[in-house]
Amino acid sequence: MRGMNTKNIGNSGENIATEYLQGKGYKIIERNVHLGAGELDIVAQFGDLIVFVEVKARNNYSFGNPLEAMTKQKIKMLIQTAKQYISFNHLFNIQVRFDVISIVGTEIEHIEDAFWLN
């Protein structure tokens, strides 16, 4: 990911996260879903769960841990966007989960159940 701009780092991180999730048995439903002012990086299915995955990627730790970018405001926006996705796709009787994947260089950290729909 060296020498890339922020958008390219994000796209590369999402590609890495997608491959990682598929390797763990997740079925990728959609990527980069824009609804209203929000975006869902990855929407996946894992068993009978719909999993909304936020991907945070960095080249290195010089700007801190990417997980620090998961502010209360960012979480609130993700939850709102997920609610719109659920409503739009009529997924009312399905369980959902929010995961966060942090990628720094070649390190991948997958936090399952990072926060909850409320």
C-alpha atoms as a PDB file:
ATOM      1  CA  MET A   1       0.000   0.000   0.000  1.00  0.00           C
ATOM      2  CA  ARG A   2       3.092   2.217   0.036  1.00  0.00           C
ATOM      3  CA  GLY A   3       2.960   5.315  -2.181  1.00  0.00           C
ATOM      4  CA  MET A   4      -0.822   5.357  -2.443  1.00  0.00           C
ATOM      5  CA  ASN A   5      -3.202   8.207  -1.720  1.00  0.00           C
ATOM      6  CA  THR A   6      -5.916   7.866   0.904  1.00  0.00           C
ATOM      7  CA  LYS A   7      -8.601   6.678  -1.526  1.00  0.00           C
ATOM      8  CA  ASN A   8      -6.297   4.042  -3.012  1.00  0.00           C
ATOM      9  CA  ILE A   9      -5.275   2.859   0.456  1.00  0.00           C
ATOM     10  CA  GLY A  10      -8.956   2.501   1.344  1.00  0.00           C
ATOM     11  CA  ASN A  11      -9.734   0.563  -1.848  1.00  0.00           C
ATOM     12  CA  SER A  12      -6.725  -1.692  -1.349  1.00  0.00           C
ATOM     13  CA  GLY A  13      -7.736  -2.275   2.273  1.00  0.00           C
ATOM     14  CA  GLU A  14     -11.267  -3.197   1.235  1.00  0.00           C
ATOM     15  CA  ASN A  15      -9.884  -5.664  -1.331  1.00  0.00           C
ATOM     16  CA  ILE A  16      -7.672  -7.258   1.327  1.00  0.00           C
ATOM     17  CA  ALA A  17     -10.592  -7.386   3.789  1.00  0.00           C
ATOM     18  CA  THR A  18     -12.861  -8.954   1.158  1.00  0.00           C
ATOM     19  CA  GLU A  19     -10.341 -11.720   0.438  1.00  0.00           C
ATOM     20  CA  TYR A  20      -9.797 -12.240   4.166  1.00  0.00           C
ATOM     21  CA  LEU A  21     -13.539 -12.550   4.854  1.00  0.00           C
ATOM     22  CA  GLN A  22     -14.096 -14.892   1.916  1.00  0.00           C
ATOM     23  CA  GLY A  23     -11.276 -17.073   3.252  1.00  0.00           C
ATOM     24  CA  LYS A  24     -13.169 -17.300   6.549  1.00  0.00           C
ATOM     25  CA  GLY A  25     -16.388 -18.399   4.797  1.00  0.00           C
ATOM     26  CA  TYR A  26     -18.190 -15.067   4.474  1.00  0.00           C
ATOM     27  CA  LYS A  27     -20.273 -14.449   1.365  1.00  0.00           C
ATOM     28  CA  ILE A  28     -19.798 -10.885   0.124  1.00  0.00           C
ATOM     29  CA  ILE A  29     -23.176  -9.406  -0.809  1.00  0.00           C
ATOM     30  CA  GLU A  30     -22.170  -5.840  -1.679  1.00  0.00           C
ATOM     31  CA  ARG A  31     -19.328  -3.374  -1.368  1.00  0.00           C
ATOM     32  CA  ASN A  32     -19.283   0.408  -1.123  1.00  0.00           C
ATOM     33  CA  VAL A  33     -23.016   0.821  -0.612  1.00  0.00           C
ATOM     34  CA  HIS A  34     -23.994   4.510  -0.538  1.00  0.00           C
ATOM     35  CA  LEU A  35     -27.274   5.378   1.178  1.00  0.00           C
ATOM     36  CA  GLY A  36     -28.052   8.965   2.086  1.00  0.00           C
ATOM     37  CA  ALA A  37     -24.931  10.529   3.545  1.00  0.00           C
ATOM     38  CA  GLY A  38     -23.458   7.197   4.646  1.00  0.00           C
ATOM     39  CA  GLU A  39     -21.482   4.361   3.139  1.00  0.00           C
ATOM     40  CA  LEU A  40     -21.172   0.698   4.055  1.00  0.00           C
ATOM     41  CA  ASP A  41     -17.760  -0.681   3.082  1.00  0.00           C
ATOM     42  CA  ILE A  42     -18.746  -4.355   2.972  1.00  0.00           C
ATOM     43  CA  VAL A  43     -22.075  -6.118   3.455  1.00  0.00           C
ATOM     44  CA  ALA A  44     -21.569  -9.843   3.948  1.00  0.00           C
ATOM     45  CA  GLN A  45     -23.450 -12.940   4.988  1.00  0.00           C
ATOM     46  CA  PHE A  46     -21.997 -15.306   7.563  1.00  0.00           C
ATOM     47  CA  GLY A  47     -24.301 -18.189   8.320  1.00  0.00           C
ATOM     48  CA  ASP A  48     -27.684 -16.617   9.028  1.00  0.00           C
ATOM     49  CA  LEU A  49     -26.187 -13.221   9.931  1.00  0.00           C
ATOM     50  CA  ILE A  50     -25.888 -10.103   7.823  1.00  0.00           C
ATOM     51  CA  VAL A  51     -22.558  -8.519   8.740  1.00  0.00           C
ATOM     52  CA  PHE A  52     -21.798  -4.867   8.077  1.00  0.00           C
ATOM     53  CA  VAL A  53     -18.016  -4.505   7.934  1.00  0.00           C
ATOM     54  CA  GLU A  54     -16.185  -1.201   8.303  1.00  0.00           C
ATOM     55  CA  VAL A  55     -12.634  -1.298   6.960  1.00  0.00           C
ATOM     56  CA  LYS A  56      -9.911   1.006   8.282  1.00  0.00           C
ATOM     57  CA  ALA A  57      -6.587   0.811   6.437  1.00  0.00           C
ATOM     58  CA  ARG A  58      -3.268   2.596   6.895  1.00  0.00           C
ATOM     59  CA  ASN A  59       0.257   2.169   5.543  1.00  0.00           C
ATOM     60  CA  ASN A  60       1.727   2.374   9.029  1.00  0.00           C
ATOM     61  CA  TYR A  61       0.994   3.607  12.540  1.00  0.00           C
ATOM     62  CA  SER A  62       2.371   7.144  12.016  1.00  0.00           C
ATOM     63  CA  PHE A  63      -1.179   8.521  12.162  1.00  0.00           C
ATOM     64  CA  GLY A  64      -2.161   6.182  15.000  1.00  0.00           C
ATOM     65  CA  ASN A  65      -4.115   2.970  15.084  1.00  0.00           C
ATOM     66  CA  PRO A  66      -6.832   2.937  12.405  1.00  0.00           C
ATOM     67  CA  LEU A  67      -9.322   1.748  15.021  1.00  0.00           C
ATOM     68  CA  GLU A  68      -9.032   5.176  16.653  1.00  0.00           C
ATOM     69  CA  ALA A  69     -10.936   6.526  13.622  1.00  0.00           C
ATOM     70  CA  MET A  70     -14.045   4.684  14.869  1.00  0.00           C
ATOM     71  CA  THR A  71     -15.552   7.680  16.636  1.00  0.00           C
ATOM     72  CA  LYS A  72     -19.011   7.790  18.199  1.00  0.00           C
ATOM     73  CA  GLN A  73     -20.145   9.914  15.244  1.00  0.00           C
ATOM     74  CA  LYS A  74     -18.787   7.385  12.718  1.00  0.00           C
ATOM     75  CA  ILE A  75     -20.515   4.520  14.549  1.00  0.00           C
ATOM     76  CA  LYS A  76     -23.781   6.482  14.662  1.00  0.00           C
ATOM     77  CA  MET A  77     -23.573   7.103  10.894  1.00  0.00           C
ATOM     78  CA  LEU A  78     -22.844   3.420  10.193  1.00  0.00           C
ATOM     79  CA  ILE A  79     -25.810   2.320  12.288  1.00  0.00           C
ATOM     80  CA  GLN A  80     -28.105   4.803  10.524  1.00  0.00           C
ATOM     81  CA  THR A  81     -26.876   3.661   7.105  1.00  0.00           C
ATOM     82  CA  ALA A  82     -27.312   0.003   8.078  1.00  0.00           C
ATOM     83  CA  LYS A  83     -30.893   0.717   9.205  1.00  0.00           C
ATOM     84  CA  GLN A  84     -31.569   2.277   5.793  1.00  0.00           C
ATOM     85  CA  TYR A  85     -30.035  -0.792   4.094  1.00  0.00           C
ATOM     86  CA  ILE A  86     -32.164  -3.141   6.209  1.00  0.00           C
ATOM     87  CA  SER A  87     -35.328  -1.181   5.423  1.00  0.00           C
ATOM     88  CA  PHE A  88     -34.571  -0.817   1.706  1.00  0.00           C
ATOM     89  CA  ASN A  89     -33.865  -4.567   1.367  1.00  0.00           C
ATOM     90  CA  HIS A  90     -36.737  -5.696   3.657  1.00  0.00           C
ATOM     91  CA  LEU A  91     -34.383  -7.581   5.998  1.00  0.00           C
ATOM     92  CA  PHE A  92     -36.538  -7.086   9.074  1.00  0.00           C
ATOM     93  CA  ASN A  93     -36.345 -10.620  10.510  1.00  0.00           C
ATOM     94  CA  ILE A  94     -32.639 -11.196  10.120  1.00  0.00           C
ATOM     95  CA  GLN A  95     -29.861 -10.876  12.684  1.00  0.00           C
ATOM     96  CA  VAL A  96     -27.175  -8.298  11.994  1.00  0.00           C
ATOM     97  CA  ARG A  97     -23.685  -7.754  13.299  1.00  0.00           C
ATOM     98  CA  PHE A  98     -21.165  -4.927  12.947  1.00  0.00           C
ATOM     99  CA  ASP A  99     -17.515  -5.849  12.476  1.00  0.00           C
ATOM    100  CA  VAL A 100     -14.457  -3.670  12.012  1.00  0.00           C
ATOM    101  CA  ILE A 101     -11.357  -4.745  10.127  1.00  0.00           C
ATOM    102  CA  SER A 102      -8.157  -2.804  10.706  1.00  0.00           C
ATOM    103  CA  ILE A 103      -5.335  -3.188   8.205  1.00  0.00           C
ATOM    104  CA  VAL A 104      -1.896  -1.702   8.779  1.00  0.00           C
ATOM    105  CA  GLY A 105       0.609  -2.795   6.160  1.00  0.00           C
ATOM    106  CA  THR A 106       0.193  -6.584   6.138  1.00  0.00           C
ATOM    107  CA  GLU A 107      -1.377  -6.831   9.629  1.00  0.00           C
ATOM    108  CA  ILE A 108      -5.095  -7.600   9.760  1.00  0.00           C
ATOM    109  CA  GLU A 109      -7.192  -7.272  12.918  1.00  0.00           C
ATOM    110  CA  HIS A 110     -10.818  -8.410  12.725  1.00  0.00           C
ATOM    111  CA  ILE A 111     -13.099  -7.265  15.529  1.00  0.00           C
ATOM    112  CA  GLU A 112     -16.380  -9.146  15.434  1.00  0.00           C
ATOM    113  CA  ASP A 113     -19.407  -7.599  17.129  1.00  0.00           C
ATOM    114  CA  ALA A 114     -17.585  -4.266  17.437  1.00  0.00           C
ATOM    115  CA  PHE A 115     -20.823  -2.400  18.245  1.00  0.00           C
ATOM    116  CA  TRP A 116     -24.547  -3.027  18.161  1.00  0.00           C
ATOM    117  CA  LEU A 117     -27.626  -1.860  16.338  1.00  0.00           C
ATOM    118  CA  ASN A 118     -29.782   0.221  18.662  1.00  0.00           C
END
